[in-house]
Amino acid sequence: PAPGYPACPDHTEKLKLWDLMKVEENLGATLTENMAMNPPSSVSGYLISHPKSKYFNILSIGKDQLESYAKRKKMSFNEMKKWLQTIYQG
């Protein structure tokens, strides 16, 4: 899974990866204001290894889930809605 893809639709999680791994300093890759990666050939993701692991998609979330997630991320409802608009069904 990778931030911005169906199993992890929140692109803002890339900020944590960039900070933790000092991506810009170490690799020169940057993020745009919309969290697109530059250079365009850049990739990011979470590598998980377990024989029983399976990939899954998050198809939709409700208002209560978005409110809870926004609160835990310390973001406003509307800001979080912007980032999760493809799965928010409100």
N, C-alpha and C. Protein backbone atom coordinates (compact mmCIF):
# COMPACT_ATOMS: atom_id res chain seq x y z
N PRO A 1 0.83 -1.21 0.00
CA PRO A 1 0.00 0.00 0.00
C PRO A 1 0.87 1.26 0.00
N ALA A 2 0.28 2.34 -0.48
CA ALA A 2 1.00 3.61 -0.55
C ALA A 2 0.02 4.75 -0.31
N PRO A 3 0.47 5.84 0.33
CA PRO A 3 -0.41 6.99 0.54
C PRO A 3 -0.97 7.50 -0.79
N GLY A 4 -2.28 7.66 -0.82
CA GLY A 4 -2.93 8.16 -2.01
C GLY A 4 -3.55 7.07 -2.86
N TYR A 5 -3.30 5.82 -2.51
CA TYR A 5 -3.87 4.69 -3.24
C TYR A 5 -5.01 4.07 -2.44
N PRO A 6 -5.80 3.19 -3.04
CA PRO A 6 -7.04 2.71 -2.41
C PRO A 6 -6.95 2.20 -0.97
N ALA A 7 -5.87 1.54 -0.59
CA ALA A 7 -5.78 1.04 0.78
C ALA A 7 -5.39 2.14 1.77
N CYS A 8 -4.79 3.22 1.29
CA CYS A 8 -4.33 4.34 2.12
C CYS A 8 -4.62 5.65 1.38
N PRO A 9 -5.89 6.03 1.27
CA PRO A 9 -6.24 7.17 0.41
C PRO A 9 -5.78 8.55 0.87
N ASP A 10 -5.26 8.68 2.06
CA ASP A 10 -4.86 9.98 2.59
C ASP A 10 -3.45 10.36 2.11
N HIS A 11 -3.39 11.25 1.13
CA HIS A 11 -2.10 11.71 0.58
C HIS A 11 -1.25 12.42 1.63
N THR A 12 -1.88 13.02 2.66
CA THR A 12 -1.10 13.78 3.64
C THR A 12 -0.15 12.89 4.45
N GLU A 13 -0.34 11.59 4.42
CA GLU A 13 0.58 10.70 5.12
C GLU A 13 1.97 10.73 4.48
N LYS A 14 2.06 11.19 3.24
CA LYS A 14 3.38 11.34 2.60
C LYS A 14 4.25 12.32 3.39
N LEU A 15 3.62 13.31 4.03
CA LEU A 15 4.38 14.28 4.81
C LEU A 15 5.17 13.59 5.91
N LYS A 16 4.56 12.60 6.55
CA LYS A 16 5.26 11.85 7.61
C LYS A 16 6.45 11.08 7.03
N LEU A 17 6.24 10.45 5.89
CA LEU A 17 7.34 9.72 5.25
C LEU A 17 8.48 10.67 4.89
N TRP A 18 8.14 11.81 4.31
CA TRP A 18 9.16 12.78 3.88
C TRP A 18 9.96 13.26 5.08
N ASP A 19 9.27 13.51 6.20
CA ASP A 19 9.94 13.99 7.40
C ASP A 19 10.78 12.89 8.04
N LEU A 20 10.19 11.73 8.22
CA LEU A 20 10.88 10.62 8.88
C LEU A 20 12.15 10.20 8.14
N MET A 21 12.05 10.13 6.83
CA MET A 21 13.17 9.64 6.03
C MET A 21 14.01 10.76 5.41
N LYS A 22 13.62 12.02 5.69
CA LYS A 22 14.33 13.18 5.14
C LYS A 22 14.52 13.00 3.62
N VAL A 23 13.40 12.71 2.97
CA VAL A 23 13.41 12.37 1.54
C VAL A 23 13.98 13.50 0.68
N GLU A 24 13.54 14.72 0.93
CA GLU A 24 14.03 15.83 0.11
C GLU A 24 15.54 16.00 0.26
N GLU A 25 16.02 15.92 1.50
CA GLU A 25 17.45 16.09 1.75
C GLU A 25 18.27 14.93 1.20
N ASN A 26 17.77 13.70 1.42
CA ASN A 26 18.54 12.52 1.03
C ASN A 26 18.40 12.13 -0.44
N LEU A 27 17.23 12.37 -1.02
CA LEU A 27 16.99 11.92 -2.39
C LEU A 27 16.69 13.05 -3.37
N GLY A 28 16.31 14.22 -2.85
CA GLY A 28 15.98 15.34 -3.73
C GLY A 28 14.55 15.31 -4.24
N ALA A 29 13.76 14.31 -3.85
CA ALA A 29 12.36 14.25 -4.26
C ALA A 29 11.55 15.24 -3.44
N THR A 30 10.59 15.89 -4.07
CA THR A 30 9.77 16.89 -3.40
C THR A 30 8.29 16.56 -3.57
N LEU A 31 7.47 17.24 -2.79
CA LEU A 31 6.02 17.11 -2.87
C LEU A 31 5.42 18.44 -3.32
N THR A 32 4.42 18.37 -4.20
CA THR A 32 3.71 19.58 -4.59
C THR A 32 2.66 19.90 -3.53
N GLU A 33 1.96 21.00 -3.67
CA GLU A 33 0.90 21.35 -2.70
C GLU A 33 -0.23 20.33 -2.71
N ASN A 34 -0.36 19.57 -3.78
CA ASN A 34 -1.38 18.52 -3.87
C ASN A 34 -0.82 17.14 -3.55
N MET A 35 0.40 17.09 -3.05
CA MET A 35 1.09 15.87 -2.63
C MET A 35 1.54 14.98 -3.78
N ALA A 36 1.62 15.53 -4.98
CA ALA A 36 2.22 14.79 -6.09
C ALA A 36 3.74 14.79 -5.86
N MET A 37 4.40 13.73 -6.27
CA MET A 37 5.83 13.62 -6.06
C MET A 37 6.60 14.06 -7.30
N ASN A 38 7.70 14.78 -7.06
CA ASN A 38 8.62 15.17 -8.12
C ASN A 38 9.99 14.63 -7.80
N PRO A 39 10.69 14.05 -8.73
CA PRO A 39 10.30 13.88 -10.12
C PRO A 39 9.13 12.89 -10.25
N PRO A 40 8.38 12.99 -11.35
CA PRO A 40 7.19 12.15 -11.54
C PRO A 40 7.46 10.65 -11.46
N SER A 41 8.68 10.23 -11.67
CA SER A 41 8.99 8.79 -11.58
C SER A 41 9.16 8.32 -10.14
N SER A 42 9.01 9.22 -9.16
CA SER A 42 9.16 8.86 -7.75
C SER A 42 8.01 7.97 -7.29
N VAL A 43 8.32 7.08 -6.35
CA VAL A 43 7.29 6.22 -5.76
C VAL A 43 7.50 6.20 -4.24
N SER A 44 6.42 5.95 -3.52
CA SER A 44 6.51 5.78 -2.08
C SER A 44 5.52 4.70 -1.67
N GLY A 45 5.72 4.11 -0.52
CA GLY A 45 4.79 3.09 -0.06
C GLY A 45 5.24 2.49 1.25
N TYR A 46 4.39 1.65 1.78
CA TYR A 46 4.69 0.92 3.01
C TYR A 46 4.98 -0.52 2.60
N LEU A 47 6.11 -1.03 2.98
CA LEU A 47 6.46 -2.40 2.65
C LEU A 47 6.15 -3.29 3.86
N ILE A 48 5.23 -4.20 3.65
CA ILE A 48 4.77 -5.08 4.73
C ILE A 48 4.95 -6.51 4.27
N SER A 49 5.62 -7.30 5.07
CA SER A 49 5.85 -8.68 4.68
C SER A 49 5.25 -9.63 5.71
N HIS A 50 4.29 -10.39 5.26
CA HIS A 50 3.71 -11.45 6.08
C HIS A 50 3.00 -12.40 5.12
N PRO A 51 3.16 -13.69 5.31
CA PRO A 51 2.56 -14.64 4.36
C PRO A 51 1.04 -14.55 4.24
N LYS A 52 0.38 -14.02 5.26
CA LYS A 52 -1.09 -13.92 5.21
C LYS A 52 -1.58 -12.50 4.90
N SER A 53 -0.66 -11.60 4.62
CA SER A 53 -1.08 -10.23 4.33
C SER A 53 -1.80 -10.18 2.98
N LYS A 54 -2.80 -9.29 2.91
CA LYS A 54 -3.58 -9.12 1.69
C LYS A 54 -3.82 -7.63 1.45
N TYR A 55 -3.85 -7.26 0.19
CA TYR A 55 -4.14 -5.88 -0.18
C TYR A 55 -5.66 -5.68 -0.14
N PHE A 56 -6.09 -4.50 0.26
CA PHE A 56 -7.52 -4.20 0.30
C PHE A 56 -7.75 -2.76 -0.10
N ASN A 57 -8.97 -2.45 -0.47
CA ASN A 57 -9.35 -1.08 -0.84
C ASN A 57 -10.31 -0.52 0.20
N ILE A 58 -10.20 0.76 0.46
CA ILE A 58 -11.20 1.46 1.25
C ILE A 58 -12.12 2.12 0.24
N LEU A 59 -13.35 1.63 0.16
CA LEU A 59 -14.27 2.09 -0.88
C LEU A 59 -14.99 3.37 -0.51
N SER A 60 -15.42 3.49 0.73
CA SER A 60 -16.12 4.71 1.16
C SER A 60 -16.11 4.82 2.67
N ILE A 61 -16.24 6.07 3.14
CA ILE A 61 -16.37 6.33 4.57
C ILE A 61 -17.52 7.30 4.78
N GLY A 62 -18.10 7.25 5.96
CA GLY A 62 -19.20 8.14 6.30
C GLY A 62 -18.71 9.38 7.04
N LYS A 63 -19.65 10.27 7.31
CA LYS A 63 -19.32 11.53 7.98
C LYS A 63 -18.70 11.29 9.35
N ASP A 64 -19.23 10.33 10.11
CA ASP A 64 -18.69 10.05 11.43
C ASP A 64 -17.23 9.59 11.37
N GLN A 65 -16.91 8.79 10.36
CA GLN A 65 -15.54 8.32 10.20
C GLN A 65 -14.61 9.46 9.79
N LEU A 66 -15.08 10.32 8.91
CA LEU A 66 -14.27 11.46 8.49
C LEU A 66 -14.04 12.42 9.66
N GLU A 67 -15.08 12.67 10.44
CA GLU A 67 -14.94 13.54 11.62
C GLU A 67 -13.92 12.97 12.60
N SER A 68 -14.00 11.67 12.85
CA SER A 68 -13.08 11.02 13.78
C SER A 68 -11.65 11.07 13.26
N TYR A 69 -11.48 10.79 11.98
CA TYR A 69 -10.14 10.80 11.39
C TYR A 69 -9.54 12.21 11.40
N ALA A 70 -10.35 13.19 11.06
CA ALA A 70 -9.88 14.58 11.07
C ALA A 70 -9.42 14.99 12.47
N LYS A 71 -10.19 14.59 13.46
CA LYS A 71 -9.85 14.92 14.85
C LYS A 71 -8.52 14.27 15.23
N ARG A 72 -8.33 13.00 14.88
CA ARG A 72 -7.09 12.30 15.21
C ARG A 72 -5.90 12.86 14.46
N LYS A 73 -6.12 13.40 13.26
CA LYS A 73 -5.04 14.00 12.48
C LYS A 73 -4.83 15.47 12.83
N LYS A 74 -5.69 15.98 13.72
CA LYS A 74 -5.64 17.40 14.12
C LYS A 74 -5.81 18.31 12.91
N MET A 75 -6.78 17.95 12.06
CA MET A 75 -7.12 18.74 10.88
C MET A 75 -8.60 19.09 10.96
N SER A 76 -9.00 20.14 10.27
CA SER A 76 -10.41 20.49 10.23
C SER A 76 -11.16 19.47 9.38
N PHE A 77 -12.46 19.38 9.60
CA PHE A 77 -13.30 18.48 8.82
C PHE A 77 -13.17 18.79 7.33
N ASN A 78 -13.25 20.07 6.97
CA ASN A 78 -13.19 20.46 5.56
C ASN A 78 -11.83 20.18 4.93
N GLU A 79 -10.76 20.35 5.68
CA GLU A 79 -9.43 20.04 5.15
C GLU A 79 -9.29 18.54 4.89
N MET A 80 -9.76 17.75 5.84
CA MET A 80 -9.68 16.30 5.68
C MET A 80 -10.59 15.84 4.54
N LYS A 81 -11.74 16.48 4.41
CA LYS A 81 -12.68 16.16 3.33
C LYS A 81 -12.02 16.40 1.97
N LYS A 82 -11.21 17.46 1.88
CA LYS A 82 -10.49 17.75 0.64
C LYS A 82 -9.59 16.58 0.25
N TRP A 83 -8.87 16.03 1.24
CA TRP A 83 -7.93 14.96 0.96
C TRP A 83 -8.59 13.61 0.74
N LEU A 84 -9.78 13.43 1.28
CA LEU A 84 -10.45 12.12 1.16
C LEU A 84 -11.73 12.21 0.33
N GLN A 85 -11.82 13.20 -0.54
CA GLN A 85 -13.05 13.41 -1.31
C GLN A 85 -13.42 12.22 -2.19
N THR A 86 -12.46 11.42 -2.58
CA THR A 86 -12.78 10.27 -3.46
C THR A 86 -13.47 9.13 -2.71
N ILE A 87 -13.35 9.11 -1.38
CA ILE A 87 -14.00 8.03 -0.63
C ILE A 87 -15.07 8.51 0.33
N TYR A 88 -15.18 9.83 0.54
CA TYR A 88 -16.19 10.36 1.47
C TYR A 88 -17.55 10.38 0.81
N GLN A 89 -18.51 9.76 1.43
CA GLN A 89 -19.85 9.65 0.88
C GLN A 89 -20.83 10.51 1.66
N GLY A 90 -20.51 11.78 1.85
CA GLY A 90 -21.37 12.65 2.66
C GLY A 90 -22.02 13.75 1.89
